[in-house]
């Protein structure tokens, strides 16, 4: 079988398509502003409903409670600010369920060691956040009701409490607290 050589004009069409595929889409994207140096992120202001949230705290290190509490702050602060202006006491239903090693942070005898965390939890409790401690975890740590801070409610089980709030339509948020090995400044 003899090899057939195609005329040059037949090859010109695929070459043009190849050029357009490599460079044309990028040019069209530039014209549309997709890769413009002046492009910026958009700012959204969603129409948020008052939240009903249960936080599931189950941490492997009591010191991580400070980072987990930032998750609570990250819900409350934006909704308190304009344009939402929600009042945590009136507009937000927030429950924190504690059932990991962080249980020691709400024991009265450890208040001096975890005073920053206790102060923040007390502040949130004064805003209307409910703090629940798992009764089964309390037993594991040999704690009784009187061992806990006054803003704590002792419940039979973290899991039954979580199920209860889920059945009531609450969103469940489980903070994942990682140990950062680099500063934000070094990663920018």
Protein backbone atom coordinates (compact mmCIF):
# COMPACT_ATOMS: atom_id res chain seq x y z
CA UNK A 1 0.00 0.00 0.00
CA UNK A 2 1.31 3.35 -1.00
CA UNK A 3 1.48 6.14 1.57
CA UNK A 4 -0.65 9.11 0.59
CA UNK A 5 0.55 12.67 1.18
CA UNK A 6 -2.21 15.11 2.00
CA UNK A 7 -2.31 18.58 0.49
CA UNK A 8 -1.07 21.44 2.72
CA UNK A 9 -4.48 23.10 3.01
CA UNK A 10 -5.88 19.98 4.67
CA UNK A 11 -3.22 20.22 7.40
CA UNK A 12 -3.83 23.93 7.92
CA UNK A 13 -7.21 23.39 9.60
CA UNK A 14 -5.93 21.05 12.32
CA UNK A 15 -2.91 23.32 12.89
CA UNK A 16 -5.23 26.29 13.41
CA UNK A 17 -7.37 24.28 15.81
CA UNK A 18 -4.25 23.26 17.71
CA UNK A 19 -3.11 26.91 17.90
CA UNK A 20 -6.55 28.01 19.11
CA UNK A 21 -6.66 25.22 21.69
CA UNK A 22 -3.26 26.25 23.06
CA UNK A 23 -3.49 30.03 22.87
CA UNK A 24 -6.99 31.04 21.84
CA UNK A 25 -8.83 29.96 24.99
CA UNK A 26 -6.31 31.85 27.11
CA UNK A 27 -6.87 34.96 24.99
CA UNK A 28 -10.64 34.64 25.28
CA UNK A 29 -10.25 34.17 29.05
CA UNK A 30 -8.16 37.33 29.23
CA UNK A 31 -10.76 39.29 27.30
CA UNK A 32 -13.43 38.08 29.72
CA UNK A 33 -11.33 39.04 32.73
CA UNK A 34 -10.66 35.50 33.92
CA UNK A 35 -6.94 36.03 34.40
CA UNK A 36 -6.88 39.79 34.77
CA UNK A 37 -4.36 41.21 37.21
CA UNK A 38 -7.10 43.61 38.34
CA UNK A 39 -9.70 40.95 39.11
CA UNK A 40 -10.82 40.60 42.73
CA UNK A 41 -12.85 38.18 44.77
CA UNK A 42 -16.52 38.98 45.13
CA UNK A 43 -18.01 39.76 48.52
CA UNK A 44 -21.22 37.89 49.32
CA UNK A 45 -23.82 38.76 51.92
CA UNK A 46 -26.06 35.68 52.08
CA UNK A 47 -29.46 35.96 53.70
CA UNK A 48 -28.63 33.85 56.77
CA UNK A 49 -31.33 32.49 59.02
CA UNK A 50 -30.78 32.52 62.80
CA UNK A 51 -28.60 29.49 63.51
CA UNK A 52 -29.47 26.39 65.49
CA UNK A 53 -26.13 24.67 66.04
CA UNK A 54 -24.68 21.97 68.26
CA UNK A 55 -20.89 21.76 68.49
CA UNK A 56 -19.46 18.30 69.12
CA UNK A 57 -16.24 18.78 71.13
CA UNK A 58 -14.27 15.54 71.39
CA UNK A 59 -10.62 16.59 71.57
CA UNK A 60 -7.48 14.53 72.12
CA UNK A 61 -5.75 17.28 74.12
CA UNK A 62 -7.42 19.60 76.65
CA UNK A 63 -5.35 22.56 75.44
CA UNK A 64 -7.06 22.31 72.03
CA UNK A 65 -10.27 23.67 73.56
CA UNK A 66 -9.00 27.20 72.95
CA UNK A 67 -8.80 26.55 69.21
CA UNK A 68 -12.17 24.75 69.23
CA UNK A 69 -13.78 27.77 70.90
CA UNK A 70 -12.70 29.85 67.90
CA UNK A 71 -15.20 27.79 65.92
CA UNK A 72 -17.93 29.14 68.20
CA UNK A 73 -16.59 32.67 67.82
CA UNK A 74 -16.51 32.24 64.03
CA UNK A 75 -20.26 31.63 64.05
CA UNK A 76 -21.28 34.30 66.55
CA UNK A 77 -19.11 37.28 65.55
CA UNK A 78 -20.09 37.59 61.87
CA UNK A 79 -23.78 37.22 62.72
CA UNK A 80 -23.58 39.89 65.43
CA UNK A 81 -22.03 42.33 62.95
CA UNK A 82 -23.75 44.31 60.21
CA UNK A 83 -25.72 43.53 58.09
CA UNK A 84 -27.09 40.67 60.25
CA UNK A 85 -27.08 42.29 63.71
CA UNK A 86 -28.28 39.09 65.38
CA UNK A 87 -28.40 38.91 69.15
CA UNK A 88 -26.97 35.60 70.39
CA UNK A 89 -29.41 35.57 73.32
CA UNK A 90 -32.46 36.11 71.12
CA UNK A 91 -31.57 34.89 67.63
CA UNK A 92 -29.09 32.05 68.05
CA UNK A 93 -29.49 28.60 69.57
CA UNK A 94 -26.00 27.24 70.23
CA UNK A 95 -25.04 24.19 72.29
CA UNK A 96 -21.51 22.90 72.92
CA UNK A 97 -21.29 19.25 73.94
CA UNK A 98 -18.05 18.32 75.72
CA UNK A 99 -17.06 14.66 75.93
CA UNK A 100 -13.32 14.35 75.20
CA UNK A 101 -10.20 15.17 77.18
CA UNK A 102 -11.29 18.81 77.24
CA UNK A 103 -13.70 17.82 80.03
CA UNK A 104 -10.88 18.63 82.48
CA UNK A 105 -11.03 22.30 81.42
CA UNK A 106 -14.48 22.74 82.96
CA UNK A 107 -13.64 21.04 86.26
CA UNK A 108 -13.48 23.66 89.02
CA UNK A 109 -10.23 22.24 90.40
CA UNK A 110 -8.49 22.95 87.05
CA UNK A 111 -9.74 26.52 86.62
CA UNK A 112 -6.32 28.11 87.26
CA UNK A 113 -4.69 25.90 84.62
CA UNK A 114 -7.35 26.64 81.99
CA UNK A 115 -8.44 30.11 83.09
CA UNK A 116 -8.42 31.60 79.56
CA UNK A 117 -10.64 28.83 78.22
CA UNK A 118 -12.96 29.03 81.24
CA UNK A 119 -13.25 32.81 80.85
CA UNK A 120 -14.14 32.44 77.17
CA UNK A 121 -16.71 29.72 77.87
CA UNK A 122 -18.24 31.83 80.63
CA UNK A 123 -18.40 34.78 78.20
CA UNK A 124 -20.18 32.63 75.60
CA UNK A 125 -22.48 31.20 78.27
CA UNK A 126 -23.45 34.78 79.17
CA UNK A 127 -24.30 35.29 75.49
CA UNK A 128 -26.68 32.32 75.65
CA UNK A 129 -24.46 29.43 74.55
CA UNK A 130 -25.30 26.23 76.46
CA UNK A 131 -22.40 24.01 77.54
CA UNK A 132 -23.21 20.35 78.12
CA UNK A 133 -20.89 17.71 79.56
CA UNK A 134 -21.38 14.01 78.87
CA UNK A 135 -22.30 12.15 82.05
CA UNK A 136 -20.52 9.01 80.85
CA UNK A 137 -17.30 10.95 80.27
CA UNK A 138 -17.69 12.59 83.68
CA UNK A 139 -17.86 9.11 85.23
CA UNK A 140 -14.71 8.09 83.35
CA UNK A 141 -12.90 11.06 84.89
CA UNK A 142 -14.47 10.50 88.34
CA UNK A 143 -16.26 13.86 88.24
CA UNK A 144 -19.58 14.59 89.89
CA UNK A 145 -22.03 17.40 89.14
CA UNK A 146 -20.54 19.65 91.82
CA UNK A 147 -17.06 19.34 90.25
CA UNK A 148 -18.05 21.44 87.23
CA UNK A 149 -18.28 25.16 86.56
CA UNK A 150 -21.69 26.74 87.14
CA UNK A 151 -22.32 27.29 83.41
CA UNK A 152 -22.17 23.52 82.73
CA UNK A 153 -25.20 21.25 82.31
CA UNK A 154 -24.49 17.56 82.91
CA UNK A 155 -26.37 15.34 80.43
CA UNK A 156 -26.68 11.53 80.48
CA UNK A 157 -24.62 10.97 77.31
CA UNK A 158 -23.02 13.08 74.60
CA UNK A 159 -24.42 10.80 71.92
CA UNK A 160 -28.01 10.91 73.13
CA UNK A 161 -27.67 14.70 73.37
CA UNK A 162 -26.28 14.93 69.83
CA UNK A 163 -29.10 12.76 68.47
CA UNK A 164 -31.68 14.85 70.34
CA UNK A 165 -30.43 18.10 68.81
CA UNK A 166 -30.12 16.60 65.34
CA UNK A 167 -33.73 15.45 65.57
CA UNK A 168 -34.67 19.03 66.51
CA UNK A 169 -33.06 20.28 63.28
CA UNK A 170 -29.79 21.60 64.68
CA UNK A 171 -26.71 21.65 62.47
CA UNK A 172 -23.84 19.62 63.93
CA UNK A 173 -20.34 21.08 63.77
CA UNK A 174 -17.37 19.02 64.89
CA UNK A 175 -14.25 21.18 65.20
CA UNK A 176 -11.10 19.63 63.78
CA UNK A 177 -8.20 21.18 65.63
CA UNK A 178 -4.80 20.72 64.04
CA UNK A 179 -1.43 21.65 65.45
CA UNK A 180 -0.04 24.32 63.15
CA UNK A 181 3.65 23.80 62.43
CA UNK A 182 4.14 27.08 60.55
CA UNK A 183 3.03 30.62 61.20
CA UNK A 184 0.46 32.23 58.94
CA UNK A 185 3.07 34.85 57.97
CA UNK A 186 5.51 32.19 56.76
CA UNK A 187 2.83 30.51 54.63
CA UNK A 188 1.55 33.64 52.89
